[in-house]
Amino acid sequence: MTDGNKPFADIARRLKWHRSLLGLEQEEYASRAGLKRSQLSNWEGGSSRVSIDGALALRRQYGLSLDFIYEGIDDALPISLRSALMDSPEVKASK
């Protein structure tokens, strides 16, 4: 299955980018947010959408806004994340 066939590939790219930026494995990234690694793996796979509860957990733990998670809008991100995102514009793009 190519990236184009995955309905939530844009969300997956943003989550993988953020986890990579922190240098964390899926297990640690998910655990810190109170999530299961399997949930994160499904989201990063791009075939399932992040649940609202999952998005809220990521917001609480990592400061990711829901606008960024779902739509790639960076206005509500902390400035340090916005700066890092400028170095990876392909991550920001949404459908």
PDB file of N, CA and C in Angstrom:
ATOM      1  N   MET A   1       0.844  -1.177   0.000  1.00  0.00           N
ATOM      2  CA  MET A   1       0.000   0.000   0.000  1.00  0.00           C
ATOM      3  C   MET A   1       0.889   1.240   0.000  1.00  0.00           C
ATOM      4  N   THR A   2       0.708   2.121  -0.954  1.00  0.00           N
ATOM      5  CA  THR A   2       1.498   3.342  -1.014  1.00  0.00           C
ATOM      6  C   THR A   2       0.924   4.384  -0.074  1.00  0.00           C
ATOM      7  N   ASP A   3       1.720   5.425   0.179  1.00  0.00           N
ATOM      8  CA  ASP A   3       1.291   6.500   1.055  1.00  0.00           C
ATOM      9  C   ASP A   3      -0.029   7.101   0.590  1.00  0.00           C
ATOM     10  N   GLY A   4      -0.226   7.182  -0.734  1.00  0.00           N
ATOM     11  CA  GLY A   4      -1.438   7.753  -1.288  1.00  0.00           C
ATOM     12  C   GLY A   4      -2.686   6.939  -1.006  1.00  0.00           C
ATOM     13  N   ASN A   5      -2.522   5.667  -0.706  1.00  0.00           N
ATOM     14  CA  ASN A   5      -3.659   4.799  -0.413  1.00  0.00           C
ATOM     15  C   ASN A   5      -4.016   4.775   1.069  1.00  0.00           C
ATOM     16  N   LYS A   6      -3.224   5.437   1.869  1.00  0.00           N
ATOM     17  CA  LYS A   6      -3.478   5.478   3.306  1.00  0.00           C
ATOM     18  C   LYS A   6      -4.224   6.768   3.617  1.00  0.00           C
ATOM     19  N   PRO A   7      -5.443   6.664   4.092  1.00  0.00           N
ATOM     20  CA  PRO A   7      -6.275   7.854   4.251  1.00  0.00           C
ATOM     21  C   PRO A   7      -5.749   8.874   5.255  1.00  0.00           C
ATOM     22  N   PHE A   8      -4.922   8.444   6.176  1.00  0.00           N
ATOM     23  CA  PHE A   8      -4.436   9.358   7.205  1.00  0.00           C
ATOM     24  C   PHE A   8      -2.912   9.483   7.168  1.00  0.00           C
ATOM     25  N   ALA A   9      -2.337   9.362   5.983  1.00  0.00           N
ATOM     26  CA  ALA A   9      -0.886   9.439   5.809  1.00  0.00           C
ATOM     27  C   ALA A   9      -0.330  10.779   6.257  1.00  0.00           C
ATOM     28  N   ASP A  10      -1.094  11.849   6.082  1.00  0.00           N
ATOM     29  CA  ASP A  10      -0.621  13.171   6.495  1.00  0.00           C
ATOM     30  C   ASP A  10      -0.474  13.243   8.009  1.00  0.00           C
ATOM     31  N   ILE A  11      -1.429  12.690   8.741  1.00  0.00           N
ATOM     32  CA  ILE A  11      -1.342  12.650  10.204  1.00  0.00           C
ATOM     33  C   ILE A  11      -0.165  11.768  10.615  1.00  0.00           C
ATOM     34  N   ALA A  12      -0.014  10.641   9.955  1.00  0.00           N
ATOM     35  CA  ALA A  12       1.084   9.718  10.251  1.00  0.00           C
ATOM     36  C   ALA A  12       2.431  10.414  10.104  1.00  0.00           C
ATOM     37  N   ARG A  13       2.611  11.180   9.028  1.00  0.00           N
ATOM     38  CA  ARG A  13       3.879  11.896   8.811  1.00  0.00           C
ATOM     39  C   ARG A  13       4.168  12.858   9.948  1.00  0.00           C
ATOM     40  N   ARG A  14       3.148  13.573  10.402  1.00  0.00           N
ATOM     41  CA  ARG A  14       3.363  14.540  11.475  1.00  0.00           C
ATOM     42  C   ARG A  14       3.719  13.845  12.788  1.00  0.00           C
ATOM     43  N   LEU A  15       3.045  12.747  13.102  1.00  0.00           N
ATOM     44  CA  LEU A  15       3.357  12.031  14.345  1.00  0.00           C
ATOM     45  C   LEU A  15       4.760  11.435  14.305  1.00  0.00           C
ATOM     46  N   LYS A  16       5.107  10.817  13.183  1.00  0.00           N
ATOM     47  CA  LYS A  16       6.455  10.233  13.058  1.00  0.00           C
ATOM     48  C   LYS A  16       7.519  11.318  13.143  1.00  0.00           C
ATOM     49  N   TRP A  17       7.257  12.452  12.497  1.00  0.00           N
ATOM     50  CA  TRP A  17       8.201  13.568  12.547  1.00  0.00           C
ATOM     51  C   TRP A  17       8.438  13.998  13.990  1.00  0.00           C
ATOM     52  N   HIS A  18       7.364  14.171  14.744  1.00  0.00           N
ATOM     53  CA  HIS A  18       7.507  14.648  16.115  1.00  0.00           C
ATOM     54  C   HIS A  18       8.237  13.634  16.987  1.00  0.00           C
ATOM     55  N   ARG A  19       7.870  12.376  16.855  1.00  0.00           N
ATOM     56  CA  ARG A  19       8.549  11.333  17.645  1.00  0.00           C
ATOM     57  C   ARG A  19      10.026  11.276  17.300  1.00  0.00           C
ATOM     58  N   SER A  20      10.343  11.370  16.016  1.00  0.00           N
ATOM     59  CA  SER A  20      11.724  11.371  15.556  1.00  0.00           C
ATOM     60  C   SER A  20      12.486  12.583  16.093  1.00  0.00           C
ATOM     61  N   LEU A  21      11.835  13.730  16.096  1.00  0.00           N
ATOM     62  CA  LEU A  21      12.445  14.954  16.614  1.00  0.00           C
ATOM     63  C   LEU A  21      12.871  14.777  18.066  1.00  0.00           C
ATOM     64  N   LEU A  22      12.063  14.040  18.828  1.00  0.00           N
ATOM     65  CA  LEU A  22      12.374  13.785  20.236  1.00  0.00           C
ATOM     66  C   LEU A  22      13.346  12.622  20.414  1.00  0.00           C
ATOM     67  N   GLY A  23      13.578  11.878  19.342  1.00  0.00           N
ATOM     68  CA  GLY A  23      14.494  10.741  19.424  1.00  0.00           C
ATOM     69  C   GLY A  23      13.944   9.581  20.233  1.00  0.00           C
ATOM     70  N   LEU A  24      12.635   9.386  20.182  1.00  0.00           N
ATOM     71  CA  LEU A  24      12.003   8.331  20.972  1.00  0.00           C
ATOM     72  C   LEU A  24      11.525   7.187  20.098  1.00  0.00           C
ATOM     73  N   GLU A  25      11.566   5.996  20.655  1.00  0.00           N
ATOM     74  CA  GLU A  25      10.958   4.830  20.035  1.00  0.00           C
ATOM     75  C   GLU A  25       9.451   4.900  20.294  1.00  0.00           C
ATOM     76  N   GLN A  26       8.689   4.150  19.523  1.00  0.00           N
ATOM     77  CA  GLN A  26       7.236   4.165  19.683  1.00  0.00           C
ATOM     78  C   GLN A  26       6.805   3.851  21.114  1.00  0.00           C
ATOM     79  N   GLU A  27       7.417   2.849  21.705  1.00  0.00           N
ATOM     80  CA  GLU A  27       7.031   2.417  23.056  1.00  0.00           C
ATOM     81  C   GLU A  27       7.152   3.565  24.058  1.00  0.00           C
ATOM     82  N   GLU A  28       8.276   4.253  24.039  1.00  0.00           N
ATOM     83  CA  GLU A  28       8.519   5.351  24.986  1.00  0.00           C
ATOM     84  C   GLU A  28       7.604   6.538  24.703  1.00  0.00           C
ATOM     85  N   TYR A  29       7.476   6.895  23.438  1.00  0.00           N
ATOM     86  CA  TYR A  29       6.634   8.032  23.051  1.00  0.00           C
ATOM     87  C   TYR A  29       5.186   7.796  23.495  1.00  0.00           C
ATOM     88  N   ALA A  30       4.676   6.612  23.211  1.00  0.00           N
ATOM     89  CA  ALA A  30       3.301   6.272  23.581  1.00  0.00           C
ATOM     90  C   ALA A  30       3.147   6.218  25.095  1.00  0.00           C
ATOM     91  N   SER A  31       4.071   5.572  25.760  1.00  0.00           N
ATOM     92  CA  SER A  31       3.998   5.408  27.210  1.00  0.00           C
ATOM     93  C   SER A  31       3.971   6.747  27.933  1.00  0.00           C
ATOM     94  N   ARG A  32       4.799   7.674  27.516  1.00  0.00           N
ATOM     95  CA  ARG A  32       4.844   8.994  28.155  1.00  0.00           C
ATOM     96  C   ARG A  32       3.501   9.713  28.052  1.00  0.00           C
ATOM     97  N   ALA A  33       2.756   9.434  26.998  1.00  0.00           N
ATOM     98  CA  ALA A  33       1.452  10.073  26.804  1.00  0.00           C
ATOM     99  C   ALA A  33       0.310   9.230  27.361  1.00  0.00           C
ATOM    100  N   GLY A  34       0.637   8.084  27.961  1.00  0.00           N
ATOM    101  CA  GLY A  34      -0.396   7.219  28.519  1.00  0.00           C
ATOM    102  C   GLY A  34      -1.151   6.438  27.459  1.00  0.00           C
ATOM    103  N   LEU A  35      -0.478   6.171  26.342  1.00  0.00           N
ATOM    104  CA  LEU A  35      -1.079   5.446  25.230  1.00  0.00           C
ATOM    105  C   LEU A  35      -0.419   4.087  25.069  1.00  0.00           C
ATOM    106  N   LYS A  36      -1.031   3.234  24.285  1.00  0.00           N
ATOM    107  CA  LYS A  36      -0.432   1.940  23.965  1.00  0.00           C
ATOM    108  C   LYS A  36       0.402   2.076  22.701  1.00  0.00           C
ATOM    109  N   ARG A  37       1.500   1.349  22.649  1.00  0.00           N
ATOM    110  CA  ARG A  37       2.355   1.382  21.473  1.00  0.00           C
ATOM    111  C   ARG A  37       1.585   0.966  20.220  1.00  0.00           C
ATOM    112  N   SER A  38       0.679   0.000  20.385  1.00  0.00           N
ATOM    113  CA  SER A  38      -0.093  -0.465  19.231  1.00  0.00           C
ATOM    114  C   SER A  38      -0.981   0.639  18.662  1.00  0.00           C
ATOM    115  N   GLN A  39      -1.524   1.504  19.527  1.00  0.00           N
ATOM    116  CA  GLN A  39      -2.313   2.640  19.045  1.00  0.00           C
ATOM    117  C   GLN A  39      -1.443   3.544  18.182  1.00  0.00           C
ATOM    118  N   LEU A  40      -0.301   3.906  18.725  1.00  0.00           N
ATOM    119  CA  LEU A  40       0.607   4.792  18.007  1.00  0.00           C
ATOM    120  C   LEU A  40       1.051   4.165  16.696  1.00  0.00           C
ATOM    121  N   SER A  41       1.339   2.888  16.722  1.00  0.00           N
ATOM    122  CA  SER A  41       1.755   2.192  15.510  1.00  0.00           C
ATOM    123  C   SER A  41       0.668   2.266  14.437  1.00  0.00           C
ATOM    124  N   ASN A  42      -0.575   2.088  14.837  1.00  0.00           N
ATOM    125  CA  ASN A  42      -1.687   2.186  13.884  1.00  0.00           C
ATOM    126  C   ASN A  42      -1.800   3.595  13.315  1.00  0.00           C
ATOM    127  N   TRP A  43      -1.642   4.596  14.151  1.00  0.00           N
ATOM    128  CA  TRP A  43      -1.731   5.977  13.687  1.00  0.00           C
ATOM    129  C   TRP A  43      -0.573   6.308  12.759  1.00  0.00           C
ATOM    130  N   GLU A  44       0.622   5.865  13.139  1.00  0.00           N
ATOM    131  CA  GLU A  44       1.793   6.136  12.308  1.00  0.00           C
ATOM    132  C   GLU A  44       1.762   5.344  11.007  1.00  0.00           C
ATOM    133  N   GLY A  45       0.983   4.290  10.969  1.00  0.00           N
ATOM    134  CA  GLY A  45       0.824   3.518   9.743  1.00  0.00           C
ATOM    135  C   GLY A  45      -0.043   4.229   8.720  1.00  0.00           C
ATOM    136  N   GLY A  46      -0.833   5.195   9.165  1.00  0.00           N
ATOM    137  CA  GLY A  46      -1.632   6.008   8.267  1.00  0.00           C
ATOM    138  C   GLY A  46      -2.969   5.428   7.854  1.00  0.00           C
ATOM    139  N   SER A  47      -3.314   4.261   8.366  1.00  0.00           N
ATOM    140  CA  SER A  47      -4.590   3.672   7.958  1.00  0.00           C
ATOM    141  C   SER A  47      -5.692   3.899   8.980  1.00  0.00           C
ATOM    142  N   SER A  48      -5.339   4.408  10.168  1.00  0.00           N
ATOM    143  CA  SER A  48      -6.378   4.746  11.143  1.00  0.00           C
ATOM    144  C   SER A  48      -6.100   6.130  11.720  1.00  0.00           C
ATOM    145  N   ARG A  49      -7.178   6.849  11.977  1.00  0.00           N
ATOM    146  CA  ARG A  49      -7.092   8.224  12.469  1.00  0.00           C
ATOM    147  C   ARG A  49      -6.878   8.240  13.976  1.00  0.00           C
ATOM    148  N   VAL A  50      -6.154   9.218  14.436  1.00  0.00           N
ATOM    149  CA  VAL A  50      -5.947   9.405  15.870  1.00  0.00           C
ATOM    150  C   VAL A  50      -7.294   9.705  16.516  1.00  0.00           C
ATOM    151  N   SER A  51      -7.606   8.983  17.576  1.00  0.00           N
ATOM    152  CA  SER A  51      -8.850   9.240  18.304  1.00  0.00           C
ATOM    153  C   SER A  51      -8.747  10.593  19.009  1.00  0.00           C
ATOM    154  N   ILE A  52      -9.867  11.165  19.359  1.00  0.00           N
ATOM    155  CA  ILE A  52      -9.842  12.444  20.064  1.00  0.00           C
ATOM    156  C   ILE A  52      -9.147  12.290  21.415  1.00  0.00           C
ATOM    157  N   ASP A  53      -9.385  11.175  22.099  1.00  0.00           N
ATOM    158  CA  ASP A  53      -8.710  10.948  23.379  1.00  0.00           C
ATOM    159  C   ASP A  53      -7.201  10.833  23.184  1.00  0.00           C
ATOM    160  N   GLY A  54      -6.793  10.163  22.109  1.00  0.00           N
ATOM    161  CA  GLY A  54      -5.371  10.048  21.810  1.00  0.00           C
ATOM    162  C   GLY A  54      -4.760  11.395  21.491  1.00  0.00           C
ATOM    163  N   ALA A  55      -5.458  12.194  20.703  1.00  0.00           N
ATOM    164  CA  ALA A  55      -4.963  13.526  20.350  1.00  0.00           C
ATOM    165  C   ALA A  55      -4.844  14.407  21.590  1.00  0.00           C
ATOM    166  N   LEU A  56      -5.812  14.305  22.481  1.00  0.00           N
ATOM    167  CA  LEU A  56      -5.747  15.090  23.719  1.00  0.00           C
ATOM    168  C   LEU A  56      -4.574  14.648  24.588  1.00  0.00           C
ATOM    169  N   ALA A  57      -4.307  13.353  24.626  1.00  0.00           N
ATOM    170  CA  ALA A  57      -3.159  12.847  25.398  1.00  0.00           C
ATOM    171  C   ALA A  57      -1.855  13.381  24.809  1.00  0.00           C
ATOM    172  N   LEU A  58      -1.752  13.416  23.478  1.00  0.00           N
ATOM    173  CA  LEU A  58      -0.556  13.955  22.835  1.00  0.00           C
ATOM    174  C   LEU A  58      -0.431  15.452  23.099  1.00  0.00           C
ATOM    175  N   ARG A  59      -1.547  16.151  23.128  1.00  0.00           N
ATOM    176  CA  ARG A  59      -1.518  17.587  23.424  1.00  0.00           C
ATOM    177  C   ARG A  59      -1.036  17.831  24.848  1.00  0.00           C
ATOM    178  N   ARG A  60      -1.581  17.073  25.792  1.00  0.00           N
ATOM    179  CA  ARG A  60      -1.182  17.257  27.196  1.00  0.00           C
ATOM    180  C   ARG A  60       0.303  16.951  27.409  1.00  0.00           C
ATOM    181  N   GLN A  61       0.767  15.856  26.832  1.00  0.00           N
ATOM    182  CA  GLN A  61       2.150  15.428  27.067  1.00  0.00           C
ATOM    183  C   GLN A  61       3.166  16.221  26.256  1.00  0.00           C
ATOM    184  N   TYR A  62       2.871  16.481  25.003  1.00  0.00           N
ATOM    185  CA  TYR A  62       3.880  17.026  24.105  1.00  0.00           C
ATOM    186  C   TYR A  62       3.581  18.428  23.572  1.00  0.00           C
ATOM    187  N   GLY A  63       2.412  18.971  23.885  1.00  0.00           N
ATOM    188  CA  GLY A  63       2.082  20.307  23.412  1.00  0.00           C
ATOM    189  C   GLY A  63       1.663  20.372  21.954  1.00  0.00           C
ATOM    190  N   LEU A  64       1.351  19.220  21.361  1.00  0.00           N
ATOM    191  CA  LEU A  64       0.878  19.214  19.974  1.00  0.00           C
ATOM    192  C   LEU A  64      -0.576  19.670  19.945  1.00  0.00           C
ATOM    193  N   SER A  65      -0.878  20.655  19.146  1.00  0.00           N
ATOM    194  CA  SER A  65      -2.263  21.111  19.062  1.00  0.00           C
ATOM    195  C   SER A  65      -3.075  20.136  18.217  1.00  0.00           C
ATOM    196  N   LEU A  66      -4.361  20.099  18.455  1.00  0.00           N
ATOM    197  CA  LEU A  66      -5.229  19.253  17.648  1.00  0.00           C
ATOM    198  C   LEU A  66      -5.248  19.739  16.207  1.00  0.00           C
ATOM    199  N   ASP A  67      -5.173  21.054  16.008  1.00  0.00           N
ATOM    200  CA  ASP A  67      -5.098  21.600  14.650  1.00  0.00           C
ATOM    201  C   ASP A  67      -3.883  21.058  13.909  1.00  0.00           C
ATOM    202  N   PHE A  68      -2.776  20.929  14.614  1.00  0.00           N
ATOM    203  CA  PHE A  68      -1.580  20.390  13.975  1.00  0.00           C
ATOM    204  C   PHE A  68      -1.727  18.898  13.701  1.00  0.00           C
ATOM    205  N   ILE A  69      -2.192  18.152  14.689  1.00  0.00           N
ATOM    206  CA  ILE A  69      -2.321  16.704  14.529  1.00  0.00           C
ATOM    207  C   ILE A  69      -3.238  16.370  13.353  1.00  0.00           C
ATOM    208  N   TYR A  70      -4.410  16.972  13.323  1.00  0.00           N
ATOM    209  CA  TYR A  70      -5.411  16.602  12.314  1.00  0.00           C
ATOM    210  C   TYR A  70      -5.264  17.336  10.983  1.00  0.00           C
ATOM    211  N   GLU A  71      -4.825  18.594  11.012  1.00  0.00           N
ATOM    212  CA  GLU A  71      -4.827  19.404   9.794  1.00  0.00           C
ATOM    213  C   GLU A  71      -3.467  19.941   9.370  1.00  0.00           C
ATOM    214  N   GLY A  72      -2.468  19.820  10.231  1.00  0.00           N
ATOM    215  CA  GLY A  72      -1.150  20.331   9.887  1.00  0.00           C
ATOM    216  C   GLY A  72      -1.002  21.830  10.108  1.00  0.00           C
ATOM    217  N   ILE A  73      -1.939  22.443  10.806  1.00  0.00           N
ATOM    218  CA  ILE A  73      -1.894  23.880  11.091  1.00  0.00           C
ATOM    219  C   ILE A  73      -0.980  24.090  12.293  1.00  0.00           C
ATOM    220  N   ASP A  74       0.059  24.894  12.095  1.00  0.00           N
ATOM    221  CA  ASP A  74       1.070  25.027  13.145  1.00  0.00           C
ATOM    222  C   ASP A  74       0.907  26.242  14.050  1.00  0.00           C
ATOM    223  N   ASP A  75      -0.141  27.020  13.887  1.00  0.00           N
ATOM    224  CA  ASP A  75      -0.322  28.258  14.655  1.00  0.00           C
ATOM    225  C   ASP A  75      -0.271  28.069  16.167  1.00  0.00           C
ATOM    226  N   ALA A  76      -0.794  26.973  16.684  1.00  0.00           N
ATOM    227  CA  ALA A  76      -0.875  26.770  18.128  1.00  0.00           C
ATOM    228  C   ALA A  76       0.282  25.941  18.694  1.00  0.00           C
ATOM    229  N   LEU A  77       1.254  25.603  17.853  1.00  0.00           N
ATOM    230  CA  LEU A  77       2.407  24.843  18.350  1.00  0.00           C
ATOM    231  C   LEU A  77       3.346  25.756  19.130  1.00  0.00           C
ATOM    232  N   PRO A  78       4.053  25.205  20.111  1.00  0.00           N
ATOM    233  CA  PRO A  78       5.100  25.980  20.772  1.00  0.00           C
ATOM    234  C   PRO A  78       6.126  26.434  19.725  1.00  0.00           C
ATOM    235  N   ILE A  79       6.745  27.578  19.952  1.00  0.00           N
ATOM    236  CA  ILE A  79       7.664  28.159  18.972  1.00  0.00           C
ATOM    237  C   ILE A  79       8.815  27.220  18.630  1.00  0.00           C
ATOM    238  N   SER A  80       9.278  26.449  19.592  1.00  0.00           N
ATOM    239  CA  SER A  80      10.385  25.526  19.305  1.00  0.00           C
ATOM    240  C   SER A  80       9.960  24.470  18.278  1.00  0.00           C
ATOM    241  N   LEU A  81       8.722  23.976  18.382  1.00  0.00           N
ATOM    242  CA  LEU A  81       8.233  23.002  17.409  1.00  0.00           C
ATOM    243  C   LEU A  81       7.969  23.656  16.063  1.00  0.00           C
ATOM    244  N   ARG A  82       7.459  24.878  16.076  1.00  0.00           N
ATOM    245  CA  ARG A  82       7.214  25.586  14.810  1.00  0.00           C
ATOM    246  C   ARG A  82       8.523  25.797  14.065  1.00  0.00           C
ATOM    247  N   SER A  83       9.569  26.137  14.803  1.00  0.00           N
ATOM    248  CA  SER A  83      10.879  26.334  14.172  1.00  0.00           C
ATOM    249  C   SER A  83      11.392  25.036  13.562  1.00  0.00           C
ATOM    250  N   ALA A  84      11.258  23.938  14.288  1.00  0.00           N
ATOM    251  CA  ALA A  84      11.698  22.634  13.776  1.00  0.00           C
ATOM    252  C   ALA A  84      10.877  22.237  12.561  1.00  0.00           C
ATOM    253  N   LEU A  85       9.612  22.576  12.561  1.00  0.00           N
ATOM    254  CA  LEU A  85       8.740  22.243  11.446  1.00  0.00           C
ATOM    255  C   LEU A  85       9.146  22.990  10.178  1.00  0.00           C
ATOM    256  N   MET A  86       9.649  24.191  10.331  1.00  0.00           N
ATOM    257  CA  MET A  86      10.097  24.971   9.176  1.00  0.00           C
ATOM    258  C   MET A  86      11.203  24.231   8.416  1.00  0.00           C
ATOM    259  N   ASP A  87      11.957  23.397   9.116  1.00  0.00           N
ATOM    260  CA  ASP A  87      13.011  22.610   8.491  1.00  0.00           C
ATOM    261  C   ASP A  87      12.464  21.361   7.793  1.00  0.00           C
ATOM    262  N   SER A  88      11.172  21.056   7.998  1.00  0.00           N
ATOM    263  CA  SER A  88      10.546  19.865   7.404  1.00  0.00           C
ATOM    264  C   SER A  88       9.179  20.218   6.834  1.00  0.00           C
ATOM    265  N   PRO A  89       9.109  21.082   5.834  1.00  0.00           N
ATOM    266  CA  PRO A  89       7.791  21.535   5.333  1.00  0.00           C
ATOM    267  C   PRO A  89       6.929  20.405   4.761  1.00  0.00           C
ATOM    268  N   GLU A  90       7.526  19.300   4.308  1.00  0.00           N
ATOM    269  CA  GLU A  90       6.724  18.201   3.775  1.00  0.00           C
ATOM    270  C   GLU A  90       5.873  17.537   4.852  1.00  0.00           C
ATOM    271  N   VAL A  91       6.223  17.718   6.101  1.00  0.00           N
ATOM    272  CA  VAL A  91       5.485  17.125   7.214  1.00  0.00           C
ATOM    273  C   VAL A  91       4.198  17.894   7.455  1.00  0.00           C
ATOM    274  N   LYS A  92       4.227  19.183   7.279  1.00  0.00           N
ATOM    275  CA  LYS A  92       3.097  20.050   7.581  1.00  0.00           C
ATOM    276  C   LYS A  92       1.920  19.827   6.651  1.00  0.00           C
ATOM    277  N   ALA A  93       2.180  19.520   5.424  1.00  0.00           N
ATOM    278  CA  ALA A  93       1.125  19.434   4.410  1.00  0.00           C
ATOM    279  C   ALA A  93       0.015  18.483   4.807  1.00  0.00           C
ATOM    280  N   SER A  94      -1.194  18.892   4.562  1.00  0.00           N
ATOM    281  CA  SER A  94      -2.367  18.061   4.807  1.00  0.00           C
ATOM    282  C   SER A  94      -3.113  17.893   3.488  1.00  0.00           C
ATOM    283  N   LYS A  95      -4.137  17.044   3.490  1.00  0.00           N
ATOM    284  CA  LYS A  95      -4.924  16.806   2.277  1.00  0.00           C
ATOM    285  C   LYS A  95      -5.637  18.067   1.840  1.00  0.00           C
TER     286      LYS A  95
END
